Amino acid sequence: MRTFFILFLTAFIFFSCRSEDLIRPGDSIDVAFDKAMSQFEEEKYTDAARSFETVISIGRGTDYGQNAQFYLAESHYNNRRYLVAASEYARYVQFHPNSPRRSEAEFKEALCYYNLSPRYRLDQTYTERAIERFRLFVSRYPNSELSEQAADYIAELREKLARRDFNAAEFYMRTNRYNSAAIYFGLVIDRFPETRWAERALVKQMESYILYAENSVEIRQEERFEKALESYSMYLQLFPQGENRSRVEDLHDRAMRGLSEVQNRLSAVQSN
């Protein structure tokens, strides 16, 4: 009986304290908001989110309602419910466009999509959305202290997209589809020239065209070796001090030999 009484008393105290933390009918909006903030500060984010929703419903048009909308988004963010949080940050900006917290809300919305961005092999919809939102942030708030951080996130995410396309091109290389590989390596160069994958892609594109030529019928080899040499010229323009320069020179010599042999054979045929 003594043990039962202690357990009962403990449960009663617990639920009494919890009841005091909950918003009850008749609570004024400032009391309701304070209870929601108390839950938030205690890292009870699920409870806090429910409480901020209550404050919003009874406090529309007030400062309490505005602040509750922001902290509702923050609660979901801290609970790692990033998609819901992104929606709530966007709602905050929509309904409170003149708020001094607008820029922070827009940055956090972008950060939600950044946190949703998966490994490079998976669908990159959220990655692209994060880049779009961070770019919008930088254009709107170029002098913000968060703009440099946003730019760093953009660079990081673009590296991931470049790696995705590079990986796709390598798949075509491994399956001997050299023309498709060259096209995809070209996409890396065109779309992500500032990334570390661009130089590698240009080298691999050159190699792709050489293999494409070597495995083609003789009448098409000349133009394909010439494409490899065009990639070489582009490499010299874009990466004159590139770390793959020696590899490119080897590929250049290989393409020149192949081109010379093809031209000699074609000349001999025409002479006969």
Protein backbone atom coordinates (compact mmCIF):
# COMPACT_ATOMS: atom_id res chain seq x y z
CA MET A 1 0.00 0.00 0.00
CA ARG A 2 2.85 2.38 0.83
CA THR A 3 4.45 1.76 -2.59
CA PHE A 4 1.10 2.25 -4.30
CA PHE A 5 0.54 5.53 -2.43
CA ILE A 6 3.98 6.84 -3.45
CA LEU A 7 3.36 5.95 -7.09
CA PHE A 8 -0.07 7.56 -6.97
CA LEU A 9 1.32 10.73 -5.38
CA THR A 10 4.14 10.91 -7.93
CA ALA A 11 1.71 10.51 -10.82
CA PHE A 12 -0.63 13.11 -9.31
CA ILE A 13 2.19 15.65 -8.95
CA PHE A 14 3.40 14.91 -12.49
CA PHE A 15 0.03 15.35 -14.11
CA SER A 16 -0.74 18.39 -11.97
CA CYS A 17 2.46 20.06 -13.13
CA ARG A 18 1.77 19.02 -16.69
CA SER A 19 -1.74 20.39 -16.46
CA GLU A 20 -0.33 23.73 -15.41
CA ASP A 21 1.82 23.76 -18.56
CA LEU A 22 -1.12 23.15 -20.88
CA ILE A 23 -3.28 25.88 -22.34
CA ARG A 24 -6.73 25.74 -20.80
CA PRO A 25 -10.05 27.36 -21.74
CA GLY A 26 -10.14 30.81 -20.27
CA ASP A 27 -6.39 31.42 -20.46
CA SER A 28 -5.64 34.89 -21.81
CA ILE A 29 -3.58 35.08 -24.98
CA ASP A 30 -0.47 36.25 -23.12
CA VAL A 31 -0.74 33.33 -20.67
CA ALA A 32 -1.29 30.91 -23.56
CA PHE A 33 1.74 32.27 -25.38
CA ASP A 34 3.90 32.06 -22.24
CA LYS A 35 2.91 28.41 -21.76
CA ALA A 36 3.77 27.65 -25.38
CA MET A 37 7.15 29.37 -25.01
CA SER A 38 7.82 27.45 -21.79
CA GLN A 39 7.27 24.18 -23.64
CA PHE A 40 9.50 25.38 -26.46
CA GLU A 41 12.32 26.35 -24.10
CA GLU A 42 12.02 22.97 -22.37
CA GLU A 43 12.49 21.39 -25.82
CA LYS A 44 9.02 19.84 -25.76
CA TYR A 45 8.63 20.72 -29.41
CA THR A 46 5.62 18.56 -30.20
CA ASP A 47 3.65 20.06 -27.30
CA ALA A 48 4.93 23.52 -28.16
CA ALA A 49 3.76 23.19 -31.76
CA ARG A 50 0.23 22.33 -30.62
CA SER A 51 0.24 25.22 -28.18
CA PHE A 52 1.49 27.73 -30.76
CA GLU A 53 -1.27 26.57 -33.10
CA THR A 54 -3.76 27.37 -30.34
CA VAL A 55 -2.24 30.83 -29.84
CA ILE A 56 -2.44 31.49 -33.58
CA SER A 57 -6.10 30.47 -33.69
CA ILE A 58 -7.08 32.82 -30.85
CA GLY A 59 -4.61 35.59 -31.58
CA ARG A 60 -4.80 36.32 -35.30
CA GLY A 61 -3.85 39.89 -36.04
CA THR A 62 -1.96 40.31 -32.77
CA ASP A 63 1.75 40.34 -32.01
CA TYR A 64 1.24 37.14 -30.05
CA GLY A 65 -0.24 35.45 -33.08
CA GLN A 66 2.64 36.66 -35.27
CA ASN A 67 5.29 35.44 -32.85
CA ALA A 68 3.44 32.15 -32.40
CA GLN A 69 3.56 31.56 -36.16
CA PHE A 70 7.33 31.98 -36.17
CA TYR A 71 7.83 29.70 -33.18
CA LEU A 72 5.46 27.13 -34.64
CA ALA A 73 7.87 26.86 -37.58
CA GLU A 74 10.82 26.77 -35.17
CA SER A 75 9.18 23.97 -33.18
CA HIS A 76 8.77 21.82 -36.27
CA TYR A 77 12.32 22.65 -37.38
CA ASN A 78 13.81 21.64 -34.04
CA ASN A 79 11.71 18.46 -34.20
CA ARG A 80 13.32 17.75 -37.61
CA ARG A 81 9.98 17.92 -39.35
CA TYR A 82 11.61 19.97 -42.07
CA LEU A 83 8.92 19.82 -44.73
CA VAL A 84 6.26 21.01 -42.30
CA ALA A 85 8.64 23.64 -40.93
CA ALA A 86 9.36 24.96 -44.43
CA SER A 87 5.63 25.38 -45.01
CA GLU A 88 5.21 27.25 -41.72
CA TYR A 89 8.16 29.58 -42.42
CA ALA A 90 6.64 30.34 -45.83
CA ARG A 91 3.30 31.01 -44.15
CA TYR A 92 4.99 33.41 -41.74
CA VAL A 93 6.51 35.37 -44.62
CA GLN A 94 3.20 35.36 -46.49
CA PHE A 95 1.17 36.75 -43.61
CA HIS A 96 3.84 38.99 -42.06
CA PRO A 97 5.84 40.40 -45.01
CA ASN A 98 6.98 43.47 -43.06
CA SER A 99 8.25 41.57 -40.04
CA PRO A 100 11.88 42.14 -39.02
CA ARG A 101 12.11 38.36 -38.80
CA ARG A 102 11.22 37.89 -42.45
CA SER A 103 14.78 37.38 -43.66
CA GLU A 104 15.45 34.86 -40.90
CA ALA A 105 12.28 32.96 -41.81
CA GLU A 106 13.26 32.88 -45.48
CA PHE A 107 16.75 31.63 -44.62
CA LYS A 108 15.33 28.94 -42.35
CA GLU A 109 12.89 27.84 -45.06
CA ALA A 110 15.84 27.32 -47.41
CA LEU A 111 17.70 25.52 -44.62
CA CYS A 112 14.78 23.11 -44.27
CA TYR A 113 15.19 22.02 -47.88
CA TYR A 114 18.96 21.82 -47.36
CA ASN A 115 18.37 19.38 -44.51
CA LEU A 116 16.02 17.37 -46.74
CA SER A 117 18.62 17.11 -49.51
CA PRO A 118 19.57 13.41 -49.86
CA ARG A 119 22.69 11.60 -51.07
CA TYR A 120 23.71 12.51 -54.60
CA ARG A 121 22.48 9.22 -56.06
CA LEU A 122 18.88 9.91 -55.01
CA ASP A 123 16.25 12.31 -56.32
CA GLN A 124 17.54 15.87 -55.95
CA THR A 125 14.26 17.82 -55.96
CA TYR A 126 14.88 19.19 -52.46
CA THR A 127 18.48 20.04 -53.34
CA GLU A 128 17.34 22.15 -56.28
CA ARG A 129 14.64 23.77 -54.16
CA ALA A 130 17.18 24.65 -51.48
CA ILE A 131 19.46 26.25 -54.08
CA GLU A 132 16.54 28.24 -55.45
CA ARG A 133 15.56 29.51 -51.99
CA PHE A 134 19.13 30.34 -50.97
CA ARG A 135 19.66 32.24 -54.23
CA LEU A 136 16.47 34.19 -53.63
CA PHE A 137 17.71 35.00 -50.13
CA VAL A 138 21.06 36.28 -51.39
CA SER A 139 19.39 38.44 -54.05
CA ARG A 140 16.95 39.93 -51.53
CA TYR A 141 19.38 40.38 -48.64
CA PRO A 142 22.87 40.84 -50.10
CA ASN A 143 24.04 42.68 -46.98
CA SER A 144 22.67 40.16 -44.51
CA GLU A 145 25.18 38.43 -42.27
CA LEU A 146 23.57 35.18 -43.44
CA SER A 147 24.21 35.82 -47.14
CA GLU A 148 27.75 34.43 -47.04
CA GLN A 149 26.48 31.30 -45.33
CA ALA A 150 23.73 30.98 -47.95
CA ALA A 151 26.34 31.24 -50.70
CA ASP A 152 28.37 28.47 -49.05
CA TYR A 153 25.29 26.24 -48.97
CA ILE A 154 24.64 26.95 -52.65
CA ALA A 155 28.20 25.96 -53.53
CA GLU A 156 27.95 22.76 -51.47
CA LEU A 157 24.64 21.75 -53.06
CA ARG A 158 25.88 22.47 -56.57
CA GLU A 159 28.83 20.18 -55.92
CA LYS A 160 26.31 17.46 -55.12
CA LEU A 161 24.36 18.05 -58.35
CA ALA A 162 27.58 18.05 -60.36
CA ARG A 163 28.59 14.77 -58.77
CA ARG A 164 25.17 13.31 -59.68
CA ASP A 165 25.61 14.18 -63.36
CA PHE A 166 29.24 13.07 -63.33
CA ASN A 167 28.19 9.74 -61.86
CA ALA A 168 25.54 9.33 -64.59
CA ALA A 169 28.17 10.00 -67.25
CA GLU A 170 30.50 7.43 -65.73
CA PHE A 171 27.70 4.88 -65.85
CA TYR A 172 27.46 5.42 -69.60
CA MET A 173 31.23 4.99 -69.84
CA ARG A 174 31.12 1.69 -67.97
CA THR A 175 28.38 0.42 -70.29
CA ASN A 176 30.32 1.45 -73.42
CA ARG A 177 27.83 4.15 -74.44
CA TYR A 178 30.56 6.64 -75.16
CA ASN A 179 28.53 9.29 -76.97
CA SER A 180 25.99 9.48 -74.14
CA ALA A 181 28.86 9.67 -71.67
CA ALA A 182 30.42 12.57 -73.56
CA ILE A 183 27.08 14.41 -73.57
CA TYR A 184 26.61 13.98 -69.82
CA PHE A 185 30.18 15.02 -69.05
CA GLY A 186 29.41 18.09 -71.17
CA LEU A 187 26.41 18.84 -68.96
CA VAL A 188 28.67 18.89 -65.90
CA ILE A 189 30.99 21.35 -67.63
CA ASP A 190 28.17 23.61 -68.83
CA ARG A 191 26.02 23.59 -65.69
CA PHE A 192 28.63 23.43 -62.94
CA PRO A 193 31.83 25.04 -64.28
CA GLU A 194 32.86 26.32 -60.84
CA THR A 195 32.80 22.89 -59.18
CA ARG A 196 35.69 20.47 -58.76
CA TRP A 197 33.84 18.05 -61.04
CA ALA A 198 34.10 20.28 -64.12
CA GLU A 199 37.80 19.66 -64.76
CA ARG A 200 37.40 15.93 -64.26
CA ALA A 201 34.38 15.93 -66.58
CA LEU A 202 36.33 17.63 -69.35
CA VAL A 203 39.09 15.03 -69.11
CA LYS A 204 36.57 12.21 -69.15
CA GLN A 205 34.69 13.80 -72.04
CA MET A 206 37.88 13.80 -74.07
CA GLU A 207 38.45 10.15 -73.23
CA SER A 208 34.82 9.35 -74.15
CA TYR A 209 35.19 10.86 -77.60
CA ILE A 210 38.42 8.94 -78.18
CA LEU A 211 36.80 5.65 -77.22
CA TYR A 212 33.76 6.56 -79.30
CA ALA A 213 36.04 7.14 -82.30
CA GLU A 214 38.08 4.00 -81.76
CA ASN A 215 34.92 1.90 -81.63
CA SER A 216 33.24 3.56 -84.62
CA VAL A 217 33.15 2.68 -88.29
CA GLU A 218 36.09 4.21 -90.10
CA ILE A 219 34.07 6.83 -91.95
CA ARG A 220 32.94 8.40 -88.61
CA GLN A 221 36.22 8.20 -86.74
CA GLU A 222 37.72 11.43 -88.00
CA GLU A 223 34.95 13.72 -86.72
CA ARG A 224 34.95 11.95 -83.34
CA PHE A 225 38.67 12.27 -82.83
CA GLU A 226 38.26 15.95 -83.72
CA LYS A 227 35.64 16.29 -80.97
CA ALA A 228 38.19 14.91 -78.53
CA LEU A 229 40.64 17.57 -79.68
CA GLU A 230 37.97 20.24 -79.20
CA SER A 231 37.66 19.07 -75.59
CA TYR A 232 41.43 19.36 -75.29
CA SER A 233 41.35 22.98 -76.52
CA MET A 234 38.58 23.78 -74.05
CA TYR A 235 40.61 22.24 -71.24
CA LEU A 236 43.60 24.47 -72.05
CA GLN A 237 41.34 27.53 -71.99
CA LEU A 238 39.53 26.69 -68.76
CA PHE A 239 42.20 24.84 -66.77
CA PRO A 240 45.66 25.78 -68.08
CA GLN A 241 47.18 24.82 -64.72
CA GLY A 242 44.78 21.96 -64.05
CA GLU A 243 45.85 19.00 -61.94
CA ASN A 244 44.96 16.63 -64.80
CA ARG A 245 47.11 18.39 -67.38
CA SER A 246 49.50 15.45 -67.91
CA ARG A 247 46.56 13.06 -68.40
CA VAL A 248 45.04 15.45 -70.95
CA GLU A 249 48.32 15.66 -72.86
CA ASP A 250 48.45 11.86 -73.07
CA LEU A 251 44.89 11.79 -74.38
CA HIS A 252 45.76 14.54 -76.86
CA ASP A 253 48.64 12.45 -78.25
CA ARG A 254 46.36 9.42 -78.49
CA ALA A 255 43.69 11.40 -80.34
CA MET A 256 46.27 12.89 -82.72
CA ARG A 257 47.67 9.44 -83.52
CA GLY A 258 44.20 8.07 -84.13
CA LEU A 259 43.24 11.03 -86.31
CA SER A 260 46.46 10.78 -88.31
CA GLU A 261 45.99 7.06 -88.92
CA VAL A 262 42.40 7.54 -90.05
CA GLN A 263 43.32 10.39 -92.38
CA ASN A 264 46.16 8.36 -93.88
CA ARG A 265 43.87 5.40 -94.53
CA LEU A 266 41.19 7.60 -96.06
CA SER A 267 43.79 9.33 -98.28
CA ALA A 268 45.08 5.96 -99.45
CA VAL A 269 41.54 4.84 -100.33
CA GLN A 270 40.86 8.05 -102.24
CA SER A 271 44.18 7.71 -104.11
CA ASN A 272 43.23 4.23 -105.26
